Amino acid sequence: MIKNIATAIATALLAGVAWAQVDLNKATEIELDGLKGLGPTMTREVMTERQKAPFRDWPDVLQRVKGIGPKKAASLSEQGVRVQGLGYAQAAAHPPQKP
């Protein structure tokens, strides 16, 4: 019994870790809609914008998706959302270099 409970907990934790990283350019509608702070309307906005072109970085997301500002970007990043492999704080700390 205890072994079954431990296995269930370990499985749940591993599933959480696997789900924790969500690339904004590749996430499904269901993955995006499941994030705290993104409802169906904003999820559709993200999907529509990324169909036009993949998001280059977090500033690109903030510019193109109405309703995602610095606070929401930070919240999404804390939930594991990444853009080009970077969380919001990482992107802010390392802005892209101009050629």
PDB file of N, CA and C in Angstrom:
ATOM      1  N   MET A   1       0.820  -1.198   0.000  1.00  0.00           N
ATOM      2  CA  MET A   1       0.000   0.000   0.000  1.00  0.00           C
ATOM      3  C   MET A   1       0.860   1.256   0.000  1.00  0.00           C
ATOM      4  N   ILE A   2       1.827   1.328   0.908  1.00  0.00           N
ATOM      5  CA  ILE A   2       2.713   2.491   0.984  1.00  0.00           C
ATOM      6  C   ILE A   2       3.543   2.599  -0.289  1.00  0.00           C
ATOM      7  N   LYS A   3       3.963   1.450  -0.807  1.00  0.00           N
ATOM      8  CA  LYS A   3       4.749   1.449  -2.044  1.00  0.00           C
ATOM      9  C   LYS A   3       3.911   2.022  -3.194  1.00  0.00           C
ATOM     10  N   ASN A   4       2.632   1.673  -3.262  1.00  0.00           N
ATOM     11  CA  ASN A   4       1.745   2.196  -4.308  1.00  0.00           C
ATOM     12  C   ASN A   4       1.568   3.705  -4.185  1.00  0.00           C
ATOM     13  N   ILE A   5       1.439   4.198  -2.962  1.00  0.00           N
ATOM     14  CA  ILE A   5       1.289   5.628  -2.735  1.00  0.00           C
ATOM     15  C   ILE A   5       2.569   6.355  -3.148  1.00  0.00           C
ATOM     16  N   ALA A   6       3.721   5.801  -2.765  1.00  0.00           N
ATOM     17  CA  ALA A   6       4.999   6.408  -3.119  1.00  0.00           C
ATOM     18  C   ALA A   6       5.174   6.434  -4.637  1.00  0.00           C
ATOM     19  N   THR A   7       4.787   5.363  -5.304  1.00  0.00           N
ATOM     20  CA  THR A   7       4.869   5.314  -6.761  1.00  0.00           C
ATOM     21  C   THR A   7       3.952   6.345  -7.391  1.00  0.00           C
ATOM     22  N   ALA A   8       2.758   6.501  -6.875  1.00  0.00           N
ATOM     23  CA  ALA A   8       1.812   7.491  -7.405  1.00  0.00           C
ATOM     24  C   ALA A   8       2.340   8.907  -7.225  1.00  0.00           C
ATOM     25  N   ILE A   9       2.926   9.177  -6.072  1.00  0.00           N
ATOM     26  CA  ILE A   9       3.490  10.510  -5.818  1.00  0.00           C
ATOM     27  C   ILE A   9       4.667  10.774  -6.741  1.00  0.00           C
ATOM     28  N   ALA A  10       5.547   9.799  -6.890  1.00  0.00           N
ATOM     29  CA  ALA A  10       6.706   9.961  -7.776  1.00  0.00           C
ATOM     30  C   ALA A  10       6.267  10.190  -9.212  1.00  0.00           C
ATOM     31  N   THR A  11       5.261   9.459  -9.660  1.00  0.00           N
ATOM     32  CA  THR A  11       4.738   9.628 -11.016  1.00  0.00           C
ATOM     33  C   THR A  11       4.159  11.022 -11.201  1.00  0.00           C
ATOM     34  N   ALA A  12       3.420  11.494 -10.216  1.00  0.00           N
ATOM     35  CA  ALA A  12       2.830  12.830 -10.302  1.00  0.00           C
ATOM     36  C   ALA A  12       3.914  13.894 -10.350  1.00  0.00           C
ATOM     37  N   LEU A  13       4.958  13.736  -9.535  1.00  0.00           N
ATOM     38  CA  LEU A  13       6.061  14.707  -9.548  1.00  0.00           C
ATOM     39  C   LEU A  13       6.793  14.707 -10.873  1.00  0.00           C
ATOM     40  N   LEU A  14       7.054  13.523 -11.413  1.00  0.00           N
ATOM     41  CA  LEU A  14       7.730  13.444 -12.705  1.00  0.00           C
ATOM     42  C   LEU A  14       6.870  14.038 -13.817  1.00  0.00           C
ATOM     43  N   ALA A  15       5.584  13.821 -13.761  1.00  0.00           N
ATOM     44  CA  ALA A  15       4.687  14.409 -14.762  1.00  0.00           C
ATOM     45  C   ALA A  15       4.714  15.918 -14.654  1.00  0.00           C
ATOM     46  N   GLY A  16       4.773  16.441 -13.437  1.00  0.00           N
ATOM     47  CA  GLY A  16       4.844  17.886 -13.229  1.00  0.00           C
ATOM     48  C   GLY A  16       6.125  18.461 -13.778  1.00  0.00           C
ATOM     49  N   VAL A  17       7.237  17.753 -13.581  1.00  0.00           N
ATOM     50  CA  VAL A  17       8.522  18.218 -14.097  1.00  0.00           C
ATOM     51  C   VAL A  17       8.507  18.208 -15.616  1.00  0.00           C
ATOM     52  N   ALA A  18       7.967  17.157 -16.213  1.00  0.00           N
ATOM     53  CA  ALA A  18       7.921  17.071 -17.674  1.00  0.00           C
ATOM     54  C   ALA A  18       7.035  18.166 -18.253  1.00  0.00           C
ATOM     55  N   TRP A  19       5.980  18.519 -17.544  1.00  0.00           N
ATOM     56  CA  TRP A  19       5.041  19.506 -18.035  1.00  0.00           C
ATOM     57  C   TRP A  19       5.554  20.914 -17.776  1.00  0.00           C
ATOM     58  N   ALA A  20       6.496  21.056 -16.847  1.00  0.00           N
ATOM     59  CA  ALA A  20       6.929  22.369 -16.389  1.00  0.00           C
ATOM     60  C   ALA A  20       7.518  23.223 -17.515  1.00  0.00           C
ATOM     61  N   GLN A  21       8.171  22.637 -18.477  1.00  0.00           N
ATOM     62  CA  GLN A  21       8.761  23.404 -19.570  1.00  0.00           C
ATOM     63  C   GLN A  21       7.791  23.454 -20.748  1.00  0.00           C
ATOM     64  N   VAL A  22       7.344  24.659 -21.073  1.00  0.00           N
ATOM     65  CA  VAL A  22       6.405  24.846 -22.181  1.00  0.00           C
ATOM     66  C   VAL A  22       6.985  25.907 -23.106  1.00  0.00           C
ATOM     67  N   ASP A  23       7.304  25.519 -24.324  1.00  0.00           N
ATOM     68  CA  ASP A  23       7.806  26.473 -25.309  1.00  0.00           C
ATOM     69  C   ASP A  23       6.615  27.179 -25.940  1.00  0.00           C
ATOM     70  N   LEU A  24       6.581  28.490 -25.839  1.00  0.00           N
ATOM     71  CA  LEU A  24       5.450  29.263 -26.344  1.00  0.00           C
ATOM     72  C   LEU A  24       5.253  29.077 -27.846  1.00  0.00           C
ATOM     73  N   ASN A  25       6.313  28.766 -28.569  1.00  0.00           N
ATOM     74  CA  ASN A  25       6.209  28.565 -30.013  1.00  0.00           C
ATOM     75  C   ASN A  25       5.737  27.167 -30.398  1.00  0.00           C
ATOM     76  N   LYS A  26       5.723  26.242 -29.448  1.00  0.00           N
ATOM     77  CA  LYS A  26       5.376  24.858 -29.774  1.00  0.00           C
ATOM     78  C   LYS A  26       4.215  24.302 -28.956  1.00  0.00           C
ATOM     79  N   ALA A  27       3.812  25.002 -27.909  1.00  0.00           N
ATOM     80  CA  ALA A  27       2.781  24.491 -27.005  1.00  0.00           C
ATOM     81  C   ALA A  27       1.442  24.332 -27.714  1.00  0.00           C
ATOM     82  N   THR A  28       0.715  23.314 -27.296  1.00  0.00           N
ATOM     83  CA  THR A  28      -0.621  23.102 -27.842  1.00  0.00           C
ATOM     84  C   THR A  28      -1.597  24.077 -27.193  1.00  0.00           C
ATOM     85  N   GLU A  29      -2.760  24.186 -27.773  1.00  0.00           N
ATOM     86  CA  GLU A  29      -3.790  25.053 -27.224  1.00  0.00           C
ATOM     87  C   GLU A  29      -4.176  24.601 -25.815  1.00  0.00           C
ATOM     88  N   ILE A  30      -4.250  23.309 -25.611  1.00  0.00           N
ATOM     89  CA  ILE A  30      -4.612  22.769 -24.299  1.00  0.00           C
ATOM     90  C   ILE A  30      -3.537  23.107 -23.270  1.00  0.00           C
ATOM     91  N   GLU A  31      -2.258  22.979 -23.640  1.00  0.00           N
ATOM     92  CA  GLU A  31      -1.176  23.318 -22.714  1.00  0.00           C
ATOM     93  C   GLU A  31      -1.232  24.796 -22.329  1.00  0.00           C
ATOM     94  N   LEU A  32      -1.437  25.660 -23.311  1.00  0.00           N
ATOM     95  CA  LEU A  32      -1.494  27.093 -23.034  1.00  0.00           C
ATOM     96  C   LEU A  32      -2.708  27.448 -22.191  1.00  0.00           C
ATOM     97  N   ASP A  33      -3.852  26.896 -22.529  1.00  0.00           N
ATOM     98  CA  ASP A  33      -5.088  27.206 -21.819  1.00  0.00           C
ATOM     99  C   ASP A  33      -5.034  26.721 -20.370  1.00  0.00           C
ATOM    100  N   GLY A  34      -4.200  25.733 -20.096  1.00  0.00           N
ATOM    101  CA  GLY A  34      -4.070  25.208 -18.742  1.00  0.00           C
ATOM    102  C   GLY A  34      -3.188  26.048 -17.832  1.00  0.00           C
ATOM    103  N   LEU A  35      -2.527  27.049 -18.401  1.00  0.00           N
ATOM    104  CA  LEU A  35      -1.662  27.897 -17.591  1.00  0.00           C
ATOM    105  C   LEU A  35      -2.468  28.941 -16.832  1.00  0.00           C
ATOM    106  N   LYS A  36      -2.069  29.196 -15.607  1.00  0.00           N
ATOM    107  CA  LYS A  36      -2.727  30.221 -14.803  1.00  0.00           C
ATOM    108  C   LYS A  36      -2.449  31.586 -15.442  1.00  0.00           C
ATOM    109  N   GLY A  37      -3.507  32.311 -15.714  1.00  0.00           N
ATOM    110  CA  GLY A  37      -3.358  33.638 -16.314  1.00  0.00           C
ATOM    111  C   GLY A  37      -3.637  33.664 -17.803  1.00  0.00           C
ATOM    112  N   LEU A  38      -3.731  32.490 -18.428  1.00  0.00           N
ATOM    113  CA  LEU A  38      -4.084  32.426 -19.849  1.00  0.00           C
ATOM    114  C   LEU A  38      -5.430  31.730 -19.971  1.00  0.00           C
ATOM    115  N   GLY A  39      -6.414  32.445 -20.446  1.00  0.00           N
ATOM    116  CA  GLY A  39      -7.708  31.846 -20.708  1.00  0.00           C
ATOM    117  C   GLY A  39      -7.844  31.568 -22.191  1.00  0.00           C
ATOM    118  N   PRO A  40      -9.004  31.146 -22.617  1.00  0.00           N
ATOM    119  CA  PRO A  40      -9.218  30.810 -24.031  1.00  0.00           C
ATOM    120  C   PRO A  40      -8.948  31.968 -24.987  1.00  0.00           C
ATOM    121  N   THR A  41      -9.323  33.180 -24.607  1.00  0.00           N
ATOM    122  CA  THR A  41      -9.135  34.324 -25.507  1.00  0.00           C
ATOM    123  C   THR A  41      -7.658  34.624 -25.713  1.00  0.00           C
ATOM    124  N   MET A  42      -6.896  34.688 -24.640  1.00  0.00           N
ATOM    125  CA  MET A  42      -5.475  34.986 -24.776  1.00  0.00           C
ATOM    126  C   MET A  42      -4.726  33.831 -25.425  1.00  0.00           C
ATOM    127  N   THR A  43      -5.156  32.608 -25.149  1.00  0.00           N
ATOM    128  CA  THR A  43      -4.546  31.448 -25.801  1.00  0.00           C
ATOM    129  C   THR A  43      -4.716  31.554 -27.314  1.00  0.00           C
ATOM    130  N   ARG A  44      -5.922  31.907 -27.762  1.00  0.00           N
ATOM    131  CA  ARG A  44      -6.153  32.069 -29.212  1.00  0.00           C
ATOM    132  C   ARG A  44      -5.292  33.185 -29.785  1.00  0.00           C
ATOM    133  N   GLU A  45      -5.110  34.261 -29.025  1.00  0.00           N
ATOM    134  CA  GLU A  45      -4.263  35.373 -29.467  1.00  0.00           C
ATOM    135  C   GLU A  45      -2.814  34.915 -29.656  1.00  0.00           C
ATOM    136  N   VAL A  46      -2.318  34.136 -28.697  1.00  0.00           N
ATOM    137  CA  VAL A  46      -0.958  33.600 -28.803  1.00  0.00           C
ATOM    138  C   VAL A  46      -0.848  32.701 -30.030  1.00  0.00           C
ATOM    139  N   MET A  47      -1.820  31.810 -30.203  1.00  0.00           N
ATOM    140  CA  MET A  47      -1.797  30.880 -31.341  1.00  0.00           C
ATOM    141  C   MET A  47      -1.843  31.644 -32.674  1.00  0.00           C
ATOM    142  N   THR A  48      -2.680  32.664 -32.748  1.00  0.00           N
ATOM    143  CA  THR A  48      -2.811  33.459 -33.976  1.00  0.00           C
ATOM    144  C   THR A  48      -1.507  34.172 -34.290  1.00  0.00           C
ATOM    145  N   GLU A  49      -0.913  34.790 -33.287  1.00  0.00           N
ATOM    146  CA  GLU A  49       0.328  35.541 -33.502  1.00  0.00           C
ATOM    147  C   GLU A  49       1.483  34.635 -33.894  1.00  0.00           C
ATOM    148  N   ARG A  50       1.576  33.474 -33.293  1.00  0.00           N
ATOM    149  CA  ARG A  50       2.708  32.612 -33.638  1.00  0.00           C
ATOM    150  C   ARG A  50       2.532  31.952 -35.002  1.00  0.00           C
ATOM    151  N   GLN A  51       1.276  31.889 -35.510  1.00  0.00           N
ATOM    152  CA  GLN A  51       1.077  31.404 -36.880  1.00  0.00           C
ATOM    153  C   GLN A  51       1.640  32.406 -37.882  1.00  0.00           C
ATOM    154  N   LYS A  52       1.587  33.683 -37.536  1.00  0.00           N
ATOM    155  CA  LYS A  52       2.141  34.716 -38.413  1.00  0.00           C
ATOM    156  C   LYS A  52       3.659  34.585 -38.485  1.00  0.00           C
ATOM    157  N   ALA A  53       4.275  34.364 -37.346  1.00  0.00           N
ATOM    158  CA  ALA A  53       5.724  34.172 -37.241  1.00  0.00           C
ATOM    159  C   ALA A  53       6.025  33.690 -35.830  1.00  0.00           C
ATOM    160  N   PRO A  54       7.014  32.818 -35.683  1.00  0.00           N
ATOM    161  CA  PRO A  54       7.382  32.384 -34.328  1.00  0.00           C
ATOM    162  C   PRO A  54       7.837  33.591 -33.503  1.00  0.00           C
ATOM    163  N   PHE A  55       7.631  33.499 -32.202  1.00  0.00           N
ATOM    164  CA  PHE A  55       8.099  34.560 -31.321  1.00  0.00           C
ATOM    165  C   PHE A  55       9.621  34.509 -31.255  1.00  0.00           C
ATOM    166  N   ARG A  56      10.262  35.652 -31.446  1.00  0.00           N
ATOM    167  CA  ARG A  56      11.731  35.723 -31.423  1.00  0.00           C
ATOM    168  C   ARG A  56      12.268  35.700 -29.992  1.00  0.00           C
ATOM    169  N   ASP A  57      11.539  36.392 -29.104  1.00  0.00           N
ATOM    170  CA  ASP A  57      11.980  36.524 -27.719  1.00  0.00           C
ATOM    171  C   ASP A  57      10.812  37.074 -26.902  1.00  0.00           C
ATOM    172  N   TRP A  58      11.029  37.262 -25.615  1.00  0.00           N
ATOM    173  CA  TRP A  58       9.958  37.773 -24.757  1.00  0.00           C
ATOM    174  C   TRP A  58       9.504  39.174 -25.149  1.00  0.00           C
ATOM    175  N   PRO A  59      10.411  40.106 -25.481  1.00  0.00           N
ATOM    176  CA  PRO A  59       9.928  41.423 -25.908  1.00  0.00           C
ATOM    177  C   PRO A  59       9.001  41.336 -27.131  1.00  0.00           C
ATOM    178  N   ASP A  60       9.260  40.392 -28.016  1.00  0.00           N
ATOM    179  CA  ASP A  60       8.399  40.175 -29.176  1.00  0.00           C
ATOM    180  C   ASP A  60       7.007  39.721 -28.721  1.00  0.00           C
ATOM    181  N   VAL A  61       6.956  38.836 -27.729  1.00  0.00           N
ATOM    182  CA  VAL A  61       5.672  38.370 -27.184  1.00  0.00           C
ATOM    183  C   VAL A  61       4.908  39.552 -26.593  1.00  0.00           C
ATOM    184  N   LEU A  62       5.584  40.344 -25.765  1.00  0.00           N
ATOM    185  CA  LEU A  62       4.940  41.479 -25.109  1.00  0.00           C
ATOM    186  C   LEU A  62       4.406  42.489 -26.117  1.00  0.00           C
ATOM    187  N   GLN A  63       5.103  42.643 -27.208  1.00  0.00           N
ATOM    188  CA  GLN A  63       4.679  43.590 -28.235  1.00  0.00           C
ATOM    189  C   GLN A  63       3.488  43.071 -29.042  1.00  0.00           C
ATOM    190  N   ARG A  64       3.465  41.783 -29.325  1.00  0.00           N
ATOM    191  CA  ARG A  64       2.468  41.235 -30.241  1.00  0.00           C
ATOM    192  C   ARG A  64       1.212  40.688 -29.583  1.00  0.00           C
ATOM    193  N   VAL A  65       1.268  40.290 -28.318  1.00  0.00           N
ATOM    194  CA  VAL A  65       0.114  39.666 -27.671  1.00  0.00           C
ATOM    195  C   VAL A  65      -0.488  40.634 -26.653  1.00  0.00           C
ATOM    196  N   LYS A  66      -1.651  41.162 -26.997  1.00  0.00           N
ATOM    197  CA  LYS A  66      -2.344  42.062 -26.075  1.00  0.00           C
ATOM    198  C   LYS A  66      -2.680  41.307 -24.801  1.00  0.00           C
ATOM    199  N   GLY A  67      -2.425  41.937 -23.672  1.00  0.00           N
ATOM    200  CA  GLY A  67      -2.733  41.318 -22.395  1.00  0.00           C
ATOM    201  C   GLY A  67      -1.545  40.654 -21.733  1.00  0.00           C
ATOM    202  N   ILE A  68      -0.450  40.493 -22.462  1.00  0.00           N
ATOM    203  CA  ILE A  68       0.762  39.967 -21.839  1.00  0.00           C
ATOM    204  C   ILE A  68       1.740  41.128 -21.686  1.00  0.00           C
ATOM    205  N   GLY A  69       1.909  41.512 -20.435  1.00  0.00           N
ATOM    206  CA  GLY A  69       2.870  42.543 -20.078  1.00  0.00           C
ATOM    207  C   GLY A  69       3.952  41.924 -19.214  1.00  0.00           C
ATOM    208  N   PRO A  70       4.805  42.749 -18.636  1.00  0.00           N
ATOM    209  CA  PRO A  70       5.898  42.214 -17.823  1.00  0.00           C
ATOM    210  C   PRO A  70       5.447  41.328 -16.656  1.00  0.00           C
ATOM    211  N   LYS A  71       4.379  41.715 -15.945  1.00  0.00           N
ATOM    212  CA  LYS A  71       3.919  40.906 -14.804  1.00  0.00           C
ATOM    213  C   LYS A  71       3.418  39.537 -15.254  1.00  0.00           C
ATOM    214  N   LYS A  72       2.608  39.522 -16.316  1.00  0.00           N
ATOM    215  CA  LYS A  72       2.068  38.249 -16.795  1.00  0.00           C
ATOM    216  C   LYS A  72       3.186  37.396 -17.382  1.00  0.00           C
ATOM    217  N   ALA A  73       4.127  38.018 -18.093  1.00  0.00           N
ATOM    218  CA  ALA A  73       5.258  37.278 -18.663  1.00  0.00           C
ATOM    219  C   ALA A  73       6.069  36.625 -17.546  1.00  0.00           C
ATOM    220  N   ALA A  74       6.299  37.359 -16.461  1.00  0.00           N
ATOM    221  CA  ALA A  74       7.037  36.804 -15.326  1.00  0.00           C
ATOM    222  C   ALA A  74       6.267  35.645 -14.701  1.00  0.00           C
ATOM    223  N   SER A  75       4.953  35.794 -14.567  1.00  0.00           N
ATOM    224  CA  SER A  75       4.120  34.731 -14.006  1.00  0.00           C
ATOM    225  C   SER A  75       4.149  33.487 -14.892  1.00  0.00           C
ATOM    226  N   LEU A  76       4.017  33.678 -16.192  1.00  0.00           N
ATOM    227  CA  LEU A  76       4.053  32.543 -17.118  1.00  0.00           C
ATOM    228  C   LEU A  76       5.413  31.861 -17.072  1.00  0.00           C
ATOM    229  N   SER A  77       6.454  32.659 -17.012  1.00  0.00           N
ATOM    230  CA  SER A  77       7.806  32.120 -16.948  1.00  0.00           C
ATOM    231  C   SER A  77       8.002  31.287 -15.688  1.00  0.00           C
ATOM    232  N   GLU A  78       7.452  31.747 -14.565  1.00  0.00           N
ATOM    233  CA  GLU A  78       7.540  30.989 -13.316  1.00  0.00           C
ATOM    234  C   GLU A  78       6.830  29.642 -13.428  1.00  0.00           C
ATOM    235  N   GLN A  79       5.851  29.563 -14.324  1.00  0.00           N
ATOM    236  CA  GLN A  79       5.129  28.307 -14.546  1.00  0.00           C
ATOM    237  C   GLN A  79       5.854  27.399 -15.536  1.00  0.00           C
ATOM    238  N   GLY A  80       6.972  27.872 -16.075  1.00  0.00           N
ATOM    239  CA  GLY A  80       7.770  27.045 -16.976  1.00  0.00           C
ATOM    240  C   GLY A  80       7.685  27.430 -18.433  1.00  0.00           C
ATOM    241  N   VAL A  81       7.002  28.527 -18.758  1.00  0.00           N
ATOM    242  CA  VAL A  81       6.897  28.945 -20.152  1.00  0.00           C
ATOM    243  C   VAL A  81       8.228  29.533 -20.600  1.00  0.00           C
ATOM    244  N   ARG A  82       8.668  29.138 -21.771  1.00  0.00           N
ATOM    245  CA  ARG A  82       9.930  29.598 -22.348  1.00  0.00           C
ATOM    246  C   ARG A  82       9.686  30.113 -23.762  1.00  0.00           C
ATOM    247  N   VAL A  83      10.519  31.061 -24.169  1.00  0.00           N
ATOM    248  CA  VAL A  83      10.531  31.539 -25.551  1.00  0.00           C
ATOM    249  C   VAL A  83      11.973  31.401 -26.022  1.00  0.00           C
ATOM    250  N   GLN A  84      12.173  30.621 -27.048  1.00  0.00           N
ATOM    251  CA  GLN A  84      13.515  30.321 -27.547  1.00  0.00           C
ATOM    252  C   GLN A  84      14.411  29.809 -26.424  1.00  0.00           C
ATOM    253  N   GLY A  85      13.811  29.008 -25.534  1.00  0.00           N
ATOM    254  CA  GLY A  85      14.561  28.369 -24.468  1.00  0.00           C
ATOM    255  C   GLY A  85      14.802  29.210 -23.225  1.00  0.00           C
ATOM    256  N   LEU A  86      14.351  30.474 -23.230  1.00  0.00           N
ATOM    257  CA  LEU A  86      14.610  31.358 -22.106  1.00  0.00           C
ATOM    258  C   LEU A  86      13.348  31.739 -21.356  1.00  0.00           C
ATOM    259  N   GLY A  87      13.465  31.804 -20.041  1.00  0.00           N
ATOM    260  CA  GLY A  87      12.402  32.353 -19.230  1.00  0.00           C
ATOM    261  C   GLY A  87      12.436  33.864 -19.331  1.00  0.00           C
ATOM    262  N   TYR A  88      11.414  34.514 -18.830  1.00  0.00           N
ATOM    263  CA  TYR A  88      11.324  35.969 -18.943  1.00  0.00           C
ATOM    264  C   TYR A  88      12.480  36.680 -18.240  1.00  0.00           C
ATOM    265  N   ALA A  89      12.801  36.272 -17.032  1.00  0.00           N
ATOM    266  CA  ALA A  89      13.882  36.914 -16.277  1.00  0.00           C
ATOM    267  C   ALA A  89      15.227  36.701 -16.976  1.00  0.00           C
ATOM    268  N   GLN A  90      15.433  35.512 -17.536  1.00  0.00           N
ATOM    269  CA  GLN A  90      16.676  35.232 -18.250  1.00  0.00           C
ATOM    270  C   GLN A  90      16.803  36.128 -19.479  1.00  0.00           C
ATOM    271  N   ALA A  91      15.709  36.291 -20.193  1.00  0.00           N
ATOM    272  CA  ALA A  91      15.717  37.122 -21.404  1.00  0.00           C
ATOM    273  C   ALA A  91      15.970  38.581 -21.048  1.00  0.00           C
ATOM    274  N   ALA A  92      15.404  39.044 -19.931  1.00  0.00           N
ATOM    275  CA  ALA A  92      15.608  40.435 -19.516  1.00  0.00           C
ATOM    276  C   ALA A  92      17.063  40.669 -19.086  1.00  0.00           C
ATOM    277  N   ALA A  93      17.661  39.660 -18.493  1.00  0.00           N
ATOM    278  CA  ALA A  93      19.049  39.783 -18.043  1.00  0.00           C
ATOM    279  C   ALA A  93      20.051  39.705 -19.190  1.00  0.00           C
ATOM    280  N   HIS A  94      19.644  39.075 -20.285  1.00  0.00           N
ATOM    281  CA  HIS A  94      20.546  38.887 -21.432  1.00  0.00           C
ATOM    282  C   HIS A  94      19.849  39.315 -22.721  1.00  0.00           C
ATOM    283  N   PRO A  95      19.662  40.624 -22.925  1.00  0.00           N
ATOM    284  CA  PRO A  95      18.987  41.064 -24.156  1.00  0.00           C
ATOM    285  C   PRO A  95      19.812  40.679 -25.377  1.00  0.00           C
ATOM    286  N   PRO A  96      19.130  40.408 -26.510  1.00  0.00           N
ATOM    287  CA  PRO A  96      19.858  40.025 -27.724  1.00  0.00           C
ATOM    288  C   PRO A  96      20.766  41.143 -28.186  1.00  0.00           C
ATOM    289  N   GLN A  97      21.931  40.758 -28.687  1.00  0.00           N
ATOM    290  CA  GLN A  97      22.904  41.725 -29.218  1.00  0.00           C
ATOM    291  C   GLN A  97      22.527  42.120 -30.631  1.00  0.00           C
ATOM    292  N   LYS A  98      22.636  43.405 -30.928  1.00  0.00           N
ATOM    293  CA  LYS A  98      22.373  43.865 -32.294  1.00  0.00           C
ATOM    294  C   LYS A  98      23.599  43.589 -33.147  1.00  0.00           C
ATOM    295  N   PRO A  99      23.384  43.120 -34.386  1.00  0.00           N
ATOM    296  CA  PRO A  99      24.531  42.788 -35.248  1.00  0.00           C
ATOM    297  C   PRO A  99      25.317  44.000 -35.663  1.00  0.00           C
TER     298      PRO A  99
END
